[in-house]
Amino acid sequence: FTPYRIDFLGGFPTWLVMGWGIEMGCIVLGSFLLLSRSSWAVVAFGFSVFFMVVSQAYQLTMGLPPSMSTLSYGSQVAIIWAIAVGLLVYANRMRTRRILH
């Protein structure tokens, strides 16, 4: 990481860092719940996506440093979003089909 990027990420408020931790915890928990065929996976993935929205909105309103305004970084973010939303949609479909209990 560049020094500016480290300063940018280190300047996040505590509530945002805690939200990011909850986001990561929910995605891991949702994955385990999905493997155990629990319908609570939808809730966990929903919370994860919610916290992703909050985190992404904060980052975009603060203005990204040049090292994070690249096509490479944008591609990584797009892939993460696709996976998270895909897991939420998949879990919801499995719950609708009564595969998750």
Protein backbone atom coordinates (compact mmCIF):
# COMPACT_ATOMS: atom_id res chain seq x y z
CA PHE A 1 0.00 0.00 0.00
CA THR A 2 1.07 3.54 -0.64
CA PRO A 3 1.48 5.84 2.39
CA TYR A 4 -1.56 7.86 1.27
CA ARG A 5 -3.67 4.70 1.02
CA ILE A 6 -2.56 3.58 4.48
CA ASP A 7 -3.48 7.00 5.89
CA PHE A 8 -6.85 6.85 4.11
CA LEU A 9 -7.72 3.42 5.50
CA GLY A 10 -6.28 4.26 8.92
CA GLY A 11 -8.48 7.35 9.10
CA PHE A 12 -11.73 5.39 9.02
CA PRO A 13 -13.92 6.01 12.05
CA THR A 14 -14.30 3.24 14.61
CA TRP A 15 -17.97 2.64 13.73
CA LEU A 16 -16.99 1.96 10.11
CA VAL A 17 -14.24 -0.47 11.07
CA MET A 18 -16.66 -2.25 13.40
CA GLY A 19 -19.24 -2.36 10.59
CA TRP A 20 -16.63 -3.88 8.28
CA GLY A 21 -15.89 -6.53 10.92
CA ILE A 22 -19.59 -7.32 11.25
CA GLU A 23 -19.82 -7.49 7.45
CA MET A 24 -17.01 -10.04 7.27
CA GLY A 25 -18.41 -12.01 10.19
CA CYS A 26 -21.84 -12.15 8.59
CA ILE A 27 -20.49 -13.37 5.27
CA VAL A 28 -18.54 -16.18 6.99
CA LEU A 29 -21.50 -17.03 9.24
CA GLY A 30 -23.85 -16.98 6.25
CA SER A 31 -21.58 -19.39 4.39
CA PHE A 32 -21.59 -21.85 7.29
CA LEU A 33 -25.36 -21.48 7.68
CA LEU A 34 -25.81 -22.11 3.96
CA LEU A 35 -23.70 -25.26 4.21
CA SER A 36 -25.86 -26.42 7.12
CA ARG A 37 -29.01 -25.62 5.09
CA SER A 38 -30.25 -23.04 7.56
CA SER A 39 -32.63 -20.33 6.34
CA TRP A 40 -30.80 -17.90 8.65
CA ALA A 41 -28.15 -17.72 5.92
CA VAL A 42 -30.40 -15.23 4.09
CA VAL A 43 -30.42 -12.94 7.13
CA ALA A 44 -26.65 -13.18 7.55
CA PHE A 45 -26.01 -12.42 3.88
CA GLY A 46 -28.54 -9.58 4.04
CA PHE A 47 -26.69 -7.97 6.95
CA SER A 48 -23.41 -8.39 5.11
CA VAL A 49 -24.73 -6.62 2.02
CA PHE A 50 -26.23 -3.87 4.17
CA PHE A 51 -22.88 -3.19 5.84
CA MET A 52 -21.18 -3.30 2.42
CA VAL A 53 -23.53 -0.53 1.24
CA VAL A 54 -22.71 1.59 4.30
CA SER A 55 -18.96 1.02 3.92
CA GLN A 56 -18.95 1.68 0.19
CA ALA A 57 -21.07 4.81 0.54
CA TYR A 58 -18.70 6.19 3.16
CA GLN A 59 -15.65 5.50 1.01
CA LEU A 60 -17.21 7.10 -2.06
CA THR A 61 -18.35 10.21 -0.18
CA MET A 62 -14.88 10.68 1.33
CA GLY A 63 -13.22 10.48 -2.07
CA LEU A 64 -10.89 7.63 -2.92
CA PRO A 65 -7.13 8.18 -3.09
CA PRO A 66 -5.57 7.87 -6.56
CA SER A 67 -4.23 4.37 -5.77
CA MET A 68 -7.82 3.23 -5.15
CA SER A 69 -9.29 4.96 -8.20
CA THR A 70 -7.90 2.47 -10.67
CA LEU A 71 -9.57 -0.07 -12.93
CA SER A 72 -7.88 -2.86 -10.99
CA TYR A 73 -9.34 -1.71 -7.67
CA GLY A 74 -12.75 -1.14 -9.23
CA SER A 75 -12.68 -4.65 -10.69
CA GLN A 76 -11.87 -6.14 -7.30
CA VAL A 77 -14.76 -4.25 -5.70
CA ALA A 78 -17.12 -5.36 -8.48
CA ILE A 79 -16.14 -9.00 -8.00
CA ILE A 80 -16.67 -8.78 -4.23
CA TRP A 81 -20.09 -7.19 -4.78
CA ALA A 82 -21.06 -9.86 -7.32
CA ILE A 83 -20.12 -12.64 -4.91
CA ALA A 84 -21.92 -11.08 -1.93
CA VAL A 85 -25.12 -10.28 -3.82
CA GLY A 86 -24.95 -13.65 -5.59
CA LEU A 87 -24.78 -15.46 -2.26
CA LEU A 88 -27.74 -13.47 -0.95
CA VAL A 89 -29.83 -14.20 -4.06
CA TYR A 90 -28.83 -17.88 -4.05
CA ALA A 91 -29.67 -18.33 -0.36
CA ASN A 92 -33.00 -16.58 -0.83
CA ARG A 93 -33.87 -18.86 -3.78
CA MET A 94 -32.97 -21.93 -1.77
CA ARG A 95 -35.16 -20.71 1.08
CA THR A 96 -38.04 -20.08 -1.35
CA ARG A 97 -37.66 -23.62 -2.71
CA ARG A 98 -37.71 -24.88 0.89
CA ILE A 99 -34.25 -26.39 0.63
CA LEU A 100 -33.11 -24.28 3.57
CA HIS A 101 -34.86 -24.94 6.86
